[in-house]
C-alpha atoms as a PDB file:
ATOM      1  CA  MET A   1     -33.506 142.663  47.548  1.00  0.00           C
ATOM      2  CA  GLU A   2     -30.714 144.991  46.504  1.00  0.00           C
ATOM      3  CA  ILE A   3     -27.306 145.260  48.234  1.00  0.00           C
ATOM      4  CA  GLN A   4     -25.201 148.394  47.697  1.00  0.00           C
ATOM      5  CA  ARG A   5     -21.566 148.285  48.743  1.00  0.00           C
ATOM      6  CA  VAL A   6     -19.962 151.226  50.562  1.00  0.00           C
ATOM      7  CA  GLY A   7     -18.043 153.361  48.062  1.00  0.00           C
ATOM      8  CA  SER A   8     -19.891 151.820  45.039  1.00  0.00           C
ATOM      9  CA  GLN A   9     -21.299 155.258  44.139  1.00  0.00           C
ATOM     10  CA  PRO A  10     -18.803 158.000  43.480  1.00  0.00           C
ATOM     11  CA  SER A  11     -18.459 161.105  45.610  1.00  0.00           C
ATOM     12  CA  ALA A  12     -19.497 164.405  44.188  1.00  0.00           C
ATOM     13  CA  VAL A  13     -18.500 167.983  44.828  1.00  0.00           C
ATOM     14  CA  GLY A  14     -21.312 170.180  46.110  1.00  0.00           C
ATOM     15  CA  PRO A  15     -22.307 172.519  43.249  1.00  0.00           C
ATOM     16  CA  ALA A  16     -21.611 176.195  43.726  1.00  0.00           C
ATOM     17  CA  ASP A  17     -25.242 177.124  43.097  1.00  0.00           C
ATOM     18  CA  TRP A  18     -26.287 175.066  46.199  1.00  0.00           C
ATOM     19  CA  PHE A  19     -23.255 175.479  48.493  1.00  0.00           C
ATOM     20  CA  THR A  20     -20.792 178.062  49.616  1.00  0.00           C
ATOM     21  CA  GLY A  21     -17.239 176.633  50.255  1.00  0.00           C
ATOM     22  CA  THR A  22     -15.983 173.092  49.780  1.00  0.00           C
ATOM     23  CA  VAL A  23     -18.562 170.306  50.201  1.00  0.00           C
ATOM     24  CA  ARG A  24     -18.278 166.616  49.407  1.00  0.00           C
ATOM     25  CA  ILE A  25     -21.377 164.463  48.926  1.00  0.00           C
ATOM     26  CA  ASP A  26     -21.077 160.661  49.339  1.00  0.00           C
ATOM     27  CA  PRO A  27     -24.272 158.875  48.244  1.00  0.00           C
ATOM     28  CA  LEU A  28     -25.340 156.197  50.796  1.00  0.00           C
ATOM     29  CA  PHE A  29     -28.610 154.929  49.394  1.00  0.00           C
ATOM     30  CA  GLY A  30     -30.965 156.149  46.633  1.00  0.00           C
ATOM     31  CA  ALA A  31     -34.735 156.376  46.369  1.00  0.00           C
ATOM     32  CA  ALA A  32     -35.346 153.319  44.249  1.00  0.00           C
ATOM     33  CA  ALA A  33     -39.081 152.983  43.470  1.00  0.00           C
ATOM     34  CA  PRO A  34     -41.381 152.506  45.187  1.00  0.00           C
ATOM     35  CA  ALA A  35     -39.232 153.909  48.047  1.00  0.00           C
ATOM     36  CA  ARG A  36     -38.866 157.685  48.259  1.00  0.00           C
ATOM     37  CA  ALA A  37     -36.104 157.979  50.816  1.00  0.00           C
ATOM     38  CA  ALA A  38     -32.423 158.737  49.923  1.00  0.00           C
ATOM     39  CA  GLY A  39     -29.411 159.300  52.146  1.00  0.00           C
ATOM     40  CA  ASN A  40     -26.027 160.998  51.707  1.00  0.00           C
ATOM     41  CA  ALA A  41     -23.006 161.604  53.891  1.00  0.00           C
ATOM     42  CA  VAL A  42     -22.180 165.276  53.411  1.00  0.00           C
ATOM     43  CA  THR A  43     -18.812 166.706  54.530  1.00  0.00           C
ATOM     44  CA  PHE A  44     -18.486 170.509  54.891  1.00  0.00           C
ATOM     45  CA  GLU A  45     -14.981 172.041  55.188  1.00  0.00           C
ATOM     46  CA  PRO A  46     -14.739 174.854  57.732  1.00  0.00           C
ATOM     47  CA  GLY A  47     -17.004 177.727  56.790  1.00  0.00           C
ATOM     48  CA  ALA A  48     -18.866 175.763  54.028  1.00  0.00           C
ATOM     49  CA  ARG A  49     -22.648 175.695  54.096  1.00  0.00           C
ATOM     50  CA  THR A  50     -25.731 175.078  52.058  1.00  0.00           C
ATOM     51  CA  ALA A  51     -27.876 177.710  50.411  1.00  0.00           C
ATOM     52  CA  TRP A  52     -31.341 178.251  51.893  1.00  0.00           C
ATOM     53  CA  HIS A  53     -33.589 175.401  50.896  1.00  0.00           C
ATOM     54  CA  THR A  54     -36.663 173.365  51.668  1.00  0.00           C
ATOM     55  CA  HIS A  55     -37.684 169.659  51.417  1.00  0.00           C
ATOM     56  CA  PRO A  56     -41.275 168.766  50.442  1.00  0.00           C
ATOM     57  CA  LEU A  57     -41.331 165.885  52.965  1.00  0.00           C
ATOM     58  CA  GLY A  58     -38.801 167.149  55.499  1.00  0.00           C
ATOM     59  CA  GLN A  59     -35.231 166.219  56.225  1.00  0.00           C
ATOM     60  CA  THR A  60     -33.360 164.462  58.978  1.00  0.00           C
ATOM     61  CA  LEU A  61     -29.699 165.214  59.700  1.00  0.00           C
ATOM     62  CA  ILE A  62     -27.493 163.043  61.889  1.00  0.00           C
ATOM     63  CA  VAL A  63     -24.185 164.755  62.759  1.00  0.00           C
ATOM     64  CA  THR A  64     -21.328 162.221  62.800  1.00  0.00           C
ATOM     65  CA  PHE A  65     -18.184 164.384  62.869  1.00  0.00           C
ATOM     66  CA  GLY A  66     -17.108 167.865  63.803  1.00  0.00           C
ATOM     67  CA  VAL A  67     -19.026 170.978  64.659  1.00  0.00           C
ATOM     68  CA  GLY A  68     -21.757 172.461  62.508  1.00  0.00           C
ATOM     69  CA  ARG A  69     -24.411 175.154  62.315  1.00  0.00           C
ATOM     70  CA  VAL A  70     -28.067 174.939  61.395  1.00  0.00           C
ATOM     71  CA  GLN A  71     -30.743 177.642  61.083  1.00  0.00           C
ATOM     72  CA  ARG A  72     -34.409 177.624  60.366  1.00  0.00           C
ATOM     73  CA  GLU A  73     -35.775 180.745  58.738  1.00  0.00           C
ATOM     74  CA  GLY A  74     -36.541 183.322  61.472  1.00  0.00           C
ATOM     75  CA  GLY A  75     -34.765 181.274  64.119  1.00  0.00           C
ATOM     76  CA  PRO A  76     -31.353 181.485  65.747  1.00  0.00           C
ATOM     77  CA  VAL A  77     -28.190 179.913  64.341  1.00  0.00           C
ATOM     78  CA  GLU A  78     -27.647 176.753  66.412  1.00  0.00           C
ATOM     79  CA  GLU A  79     -24.552 174.661  66.930  1.00  0.00           C
ATOM     80  CA  VAL A  80     -24.653 170.902  66.303  1.00  0.00           C
ATOM     81  CA  ARG A  81     -22.197 168.177  67.314  1.00  0.00           C
ATOM     82  CA  PRO A  82     -21.708 164.398  66.736  1.00  0.00           C
ATOM     83  CA  GLY A  83     -24.803 162.463  67.838  1.00  0.00           C
ATOM     84  CA  ASP A  84     -27.143 165.390  67.331  1.00  0.00           C
ATOM     85  CA  VAL A  85     -30.280 164.612  65.216  1.00  0.00           C
ATOM     86  CA  VAL A  86     -31.955 167.572  63.461  1.00  0.00           C
ATOM     87  CA  TRP A  87     -35.411 167.364  61.956  1.00  0.00           C
ATOM     88  CA  PHE A  88     -36.636 169.962  59.482  1.00  0.00           C
ATOM     89  CA  GLU A  89     -40.418 170.042  58.907  1.00  0.00           C
ATOM     90  CA  PRO A  90     -41.761 169.661  55.332  1.00  0.00           C
ATOM     91  CA  GLY A  91     -41.415 172.982  53.517  1.00  0.00           C
ATOM     92  CA  GLU A  92     -39.357 174.568  56.377  1.00  0.00           C
ATOM     93  CA  LYS A  93     -36.748 176.946  54.944  1.00  0.00           C
ATOM     94  CA  HIS A  94     -33.323 176.290  56.455  1.00  0.00           C
ATOM     95  CA  TRP A  95     -29.582 175.936  55.915  1.00  0.00           C
ATOM     96  CA  HIS A  96     -26.791 173.900  57.463  1.00  0.00           C
ATOM     97  CA  GLY A  97     -23.027 173.646  57.324  1.00  0.00           C
ATOM     98  CA  ALA A  98     -19.720 173.556  59.229  1.00  0.00           C
ATOM     99  CA  SER A  99     -18.551 175.959  61.857  1.00  0.00           C
ATOM    100  CA  PRO A 100     -16.046 178.658  60.805  1.00  0.00           C
ATOM    101  CA  SER A 101     -13.053 176.702  62.225  1.00  0.00           C
ATOM    102  CA  THR A 102     -14.081 173.035  62.142  1.00  0.00           C
ATOM    103  CA  ALA A 103     -15.268 170.666  59.384  1.00  0.00           C
ATOM    104  CA  MET A 104     -18.543 168.808  59.900  1.00  0.00           C
ATOM    105  CA  THR A 105     -20.029 165.645  58.437  1.00  0.00           C
ATOM    106  CA  HIS A 106     -23.679 164.663  58.694  1.00  0.00           C
ATOM    107  CA  ILE A 107     -25.922 162.021  57.163  1.00  0.00           C
ATOM    108  CA  ALA A 108     -28.844 163.671  55.368  1.00  0.00           C
ATOM    109  CA  ILE A 109     -32.003 161.662  54.880  1.00  0.00           C
ATOM    110  CA  GLN A 110     -34.982 163.004  52.877  1.00  0.00           C
ATOM    111  CA  GLU A 111     -37.823 161.764  50.794  1.00  0.00           C
ATOM    112  CA  ALA A 112     -38.797 162.825  47.331  1.00  0.00           C
ATOM    113  CA  LEU A 113     -42.308 163.947  46.438  1.00  0.00           C
ATOM    114  CA  ASP A 114     -43.128 163.533  42.717  1.00  0.00           C
ATOM    115  CA  GLY A 115     -39.411 162.915  42.141  1.00  0.00           C
ATOM    116  CA  LYS A 116     -38.194 166.125  43.917  1.00  0.00           C
ATOM    117  CA  ALA A 117     -36.425 166.033  47.314  1.00  0.00           C
ATOM    118  CA  VAL A 118     -35.177 169.630  47.629  1.00  0.00           C
ATOM    119  CA  GLU A 119     -35.887 173.114  46.422  1.00  0.00           C
ATOM    120  CA  TRP A 120     -32.812 175.341  46.422  1.00  0.00           C
ATOM    121  CA  MET A 121     -33.055 179.080  47.097  1.00  0.00           C
ATOM    122  CA  GLU A 122     -30.716 182.001  47.699  1.00  0.00           C
ATOM    123  CA  GLN A 123     -27.230 181.688  49.169  1.00  0.00           C
ATOM    124  CA  VAL A 124     -26.699 182.242  52.880  1.00  0.00           C
ATOM    125  CA  SER A 125     -24.939 185.555  53.302  1.00  0.00           C
ATOM    126  CA  ASP A 126     -21.647 185.792  55.230  1.00  0.00           C
ATOM    127  CA  GLN A 127     -23.543 188.054  57.698  1.00  0.00           C
ATOM    128  CA  GLN A 128     -26.220 185.400  58.268  1.00  0.00           C
ATOM    129  CA  TYR A 129     -23.605 182.623  58.560  1.00  0.00           C
ATOM    130  CA  ARG A 130     -21.463 184.580  61.019  1.00  0.00           C
ATOM    131  CA  ALA A 131     -24.388 185.232  63.438  1.00  0.00           C
ATOM    132  CA  GLN A 132     -23.531 184.044  66.937  1.00  0.00           C
ATOM    133  CA  ALA A 133     -24.359 180.352  67.187  1.00  0.00           C
ATOM    134  CA  SER A 134     -26.196 179.170  70.306  1.00  0.00           C
ATOM    135  CA  ALA A 135     -25.314 175.740  71.687  1.00  0.00           C
ATOM    136  CA  GLY A 136     -28.286 173.494  71.247  1.00  0.00           C
END
C-alpha cells in the first residue's frame, strides 16, 4: 500500500509545446507499476488550451470548476461545465481548455501503454479555438 498526501508533488506549468496560454498541472496520482493509470488536476486560465493530441488507451476528463471547451477532430467545439465527464476514445485526436472568458479546472485520467500516455501534435489555431461552442 502507498499513501500520497495532497500537495506532496509539486505543481508544474504546462509546457508551451503542449499548451497555448497559462496552464497549471497538479499531479494527483502516478502510474506506479504494475498500474498504468495516472491523474492530474489541470487548471486552464481563460483562453488557454491544449495542443491537439491523442492517448493510446483513451482519456477521461472530469470538469470540477469553471467553463471549458472540448473538441474531437472533425466534430464541433463543445462547452463543458462542472460535473461533466468527457471520454476520449483510444487514439481519438482532440483538444480541451478553458472558455475565452472563464478559467476551467478538470481532472484528467489516462493510462500509459508501453510507458506513453499521450502523443502531442500541432497547436490549436486561434480560429479553431474561437469556433462557436455548442452547449453539451
